[in-house]
């Protein structure tokens, strides 16, 4: 099997269920850290001050857990499809 054929078998199955949940009472400093440190730009804040998490683009790097502090996230786990890729050989 060629490399191109093998790569063509890679599949991405996004999930509709969020695997990152923030605590309801985040401080402005925590929100600012989340927005600044996420390399995928998952965290945004709307004009009303609500923090939105665009979890589908998560790189699973853990920056949000490490930098913003353990009390920032109410829940985090790997998505059902692992890191987003399913490799199939054969």
C-alpha atoms as a PDB file:
ATOM      1  CA  UNK A   1       0.000   0.000   0.000  1.00  0.00           C
ATOM      2  CA  UNK A   2       1.377   3.422  -0.925  1.00  0.00           C
ATOM      3  CA  UNK A   3       1.687   6.300   1.509  1.00  0.00           C
ATOM      4  CA  UNK A   4      -1.083   8.186  -0.302  1.00  0.00           C
ATOM      5  CA  UNK A   5      -3.423   5.189  -0.063  1.00  0.00           C
ATOM      6  CA  UNK A   6      -2.633   4.822   3.631  1.00  0.00           C
ATOM      7  CA  UNK A   7      -3.232   8.526   4.325  1.00  0.00           C
ATOM      8  CA  UNK A   8      -6.516   8.392   2.420  1.00  0.00           C
ATOM      9  CA  UNK A   9      -7.773   5.911   5.009  1.00  0.00           C
ATOM     10  CA  UNK A  10      -7.313   8.351   7.888  1.00  0.00           C
ATOM     11  CA  UNK A  11     -10.708   9.510   9.117  1.00  0.00           C
ATOM     12  CA  UNK A  12     -11.754  12.339  11.375  1.00  0.00           C
ATOM     13  CA  UNK A  13     -14.998  11.867  13.275  1.00  0.00           C
ATOM     14  CA  UNK A  14     -15.895  15.058  15.169  1.00  0.00           C
ATOM     15  CA  UNK A  15     -18.200  14.734  18.126  1.00  0.00           C
ATOM     16  CA  UNK A  16     -21.130  16.997  18.916  1.00  0.00           C
ATOM     17  CA  UNK A  17     -20.665  16.603  22.681  1.00  0.00           C
ATOM     18  CA  UNK A  18     -18.264  19.000  24.401  1.00  0.00           C
ATOM     19  CA  UNK A  19     -15.366  17.478  26.319  1.00  0.00           C
ATOM     20  CA  UNK A  20     -14.350  20.778  27.920  1.00  0.00           C
ATOM     21  CA  UNK A  21     -16.604  22.476  30.450  1.00  0.00           C
ATOM     22  CA  UNK A  22     -15.737  25.674  32.294  1.00  0.00           C
ATOM     23  CA  UNK A  23     -16.744  26.580  35.831  1.00  0.00           C
ATOM     24  CA  UNK A  24     -19.630  29.042  35.893  1.00  0.00           C
ATOM     25  CA  UNK A  25     -17.847  31.605  38.053  1.00  0.00           C
ATOM     26  CA  UNK A  26     -14.602  32.408  36.255  1.00  0.00           C
ATOM     27  CA  UNK A  27     -12.713  35.572  37.063  1.00  0.00           C
ATOM     28  CA  UNK A  28     -11.645  38.041  34.394  1.00  0.00           C
ATOM     29  CA  UNK A  29      -8.016  36.984  34.845  1.00  0.00           C
ATOM     30  CA  UNK A  30      -8.860  33.338  34.200  1.00  0.00           C
ATOM     31  CA  UNK A  31     -10.922  34.228  31.137  1.00  0.00           C
ATOM     32  CA  UNK A  32      -8.136  36.400  29.785  1.00  0.00           C
ATOM     33  CA  UNK A  33      -5.602  33.597  30.303  1.00  0.00           C
ATOM     34  CA  UNK A  34      -7.787  31.072  28.488  1.00  0.00           C
ATOM     35  CA  UNK A  35      -8.219  33.377  25.510  1.00  0.00           C
ATOM     36  CA  UNK A  36      -4.490  34.211  25.339  1.00  0.00           C
ATOM     37  CA  UNK A  37      -2.882  30.822  25.906  1.00  0.00           C
ATOM     38  CA  UNK A  38      -4.987  28.489  23.775  1.00  0.00           C
ATOM     39  CA  UNK A  39      -2.986  27.798  20.589  1.00  0.00           C
ATOM     40  CA  UNK A  40      -6.170  26.712  18.773  1.00  0.00           C
ATOM     41  CA  UNK A  41      -8.119  29.837  19.781  1.00  0.00           C
ATOM     42  CA  UNK A  42     -10.952  27.817  21.336  1.00  0.00           C
ATOM     43  CA  UNK A  43     -12.004  30.382  23.895  1.00  0.00           C
ATOM     44  CA  UNK A  44     -13.791  33.589  22.961  1.00  0.00           C
ATOM     45  CA  UNK A  45     -15.838  36.083  24.924  1.00  0.00           C
ATOM     46  CA  UNK A  46     -18.924  37.744  23.489  1.00  0.00           C
ATOM     47  CA  UNK A  47     -20.073  41.315  24.172  1.00  0.00           C
ATOM     48  CA  UNK A  48     -22.267  40.103  27.034  1.00  0.00           C
ATOM     49  CA  UNK A  49     -19.193  38.596  28.729  1.00  0.00           C
ATOM     50  CA  UNK A  50     -20.135  34.966  28.113  1.00  0.00           C
ATOM     51  CA  UNK A  51     -17.179  32.677  27.395  1.00  0.00           C
ATOM     52  CA  UNK A  52     -17.664  30.379  24.423  1.00  0.00           C
ATOM     53  CA  UNK A  53     -15.678  27.172  23.962  1.00  0.00           C
ATOM     54  CA  UNK A  54     -15.227  25.973  20.381  1.00  0.00           C
ATOM     55  CA  UNK A  55     -14.179  22.483  21.484  1.00  0.00           C
ATOM     56  CA  UNK A  56     -14.209  20.913  18.011  1.00  0.00           C
ATOM     57  CA  UNK A  57     -10.831  22.459  17.189  1.00  0.00           C
ATOM     58  CA  UNK A  58      -9.131  21.366  20.406  1.00  0.00           C
ATOM     59  CA  UNK A  59      -5.544  20.152  19.991  1.00  0.00           C
ATOM     60  CA  UNK A  60      -5.643  18.301  23.355  1.00  0.00           C
ATOM     61  CA  UNK A  61      -2.464  20.149  24.379  1.00  0.00           C
ATOM     62  CA  UNK A  62      -3.607  20.797  27.967  1.00  0.00           C
ATOM     63  CA  UNK A  63      -2.604  24.484  28.064  1.00  0.00           C
ATOM     64  CA  UNK A  64      -5.999  25.470  29.456  1.00  0.00           C
ATOM     65  CA  UNK A  65      -5.584  23.055  32.361  1.00  0.00           C
ATOM     66  CA  UNK A  66      -1.962  23.908  33.060  1.00  0.00           C
ATOM     67  CA  UNK A  67      -1.868  27.685  32.703  1.00  0.00           C
ATOM     68  CA  UNK A  68      -5.303  28.913  33.772  1.00  0.00           C
ATOM     69  CA  UNK A  69      -5.354  26.762  36.905  1.00  0.00           C
ATOM     70  CA  UNK A  70      -7.135  23.659  38.159  1.00  0.00           C
ATOM     71  CA  UNK A  71     -10.248  25.564  39.260  1.00  0.00           C
ATOM     72  CA  UNK A  72     -10.904  26.912  35.748  1.00  0.00           C
ATOM     73  CA  UNK A  73     -12.296  23.746  34.191  1.00  0.00           C
ATOM     74  CA  UNK A  74     -15.275  21.947  35.676  1.00  0.00           C
ATOM     75  CA  UNK A  75     -14.638  18.940  33.447  1.00  0.00           C
ATOM     76  CA  UNK A  76     -12.130  17.871  30.818  1.00  0.00           C
ATOM     77  CA  UNK A  77     -11.589  14.497  29.198  1.00  0.00           C
ATOM     78  CA  UNK A  78     -10.425  13.188  25.861  1.00  0.00           C
ATOM     79  CA  UNK A  79     -13.193  13.230  23.246  1.00  0.00           C
ATOM     80  CA  UNK A  80     -14.713   9.856  22.322  1.00  0.00           C
ATOM     81  CA  UNK A  81     -12.575   9.651  19.189  1.00  0.00           C
ATOM     82  CA  UNK A  82      -9.346  10.150  21.139  1.00  0.00           C
ATOM     83  CA  UNK A  83      -7.311  12.928  19.597  1.00  0.00           C
ATOM     84  CA  UNK A  84      -9.636  13.137  16.617  1.00  0.00           C
ATOM     85  CA  UNK A  85      -7.944  10.670  14.272  1.00  0.00           C
ATOM     86  CA  UNK A  86      -8.780   7.070  13.599  1.00  0.00           C
ATOM     87  CA  UNK A  87      -6.098   5.220  11.710  1.00  0.00           C
ATOM     88  CA  UNK A  88      -7.133   2.238   9.651  1.00  0.00           C
ATOM     89  CA  UNK A  89      -4.631  -0.101   8.075  1.00  0.00           C
ATOM     90  CA  UNK A  90      -5.273  -2.971   5.720  1.00  0.00           C
END
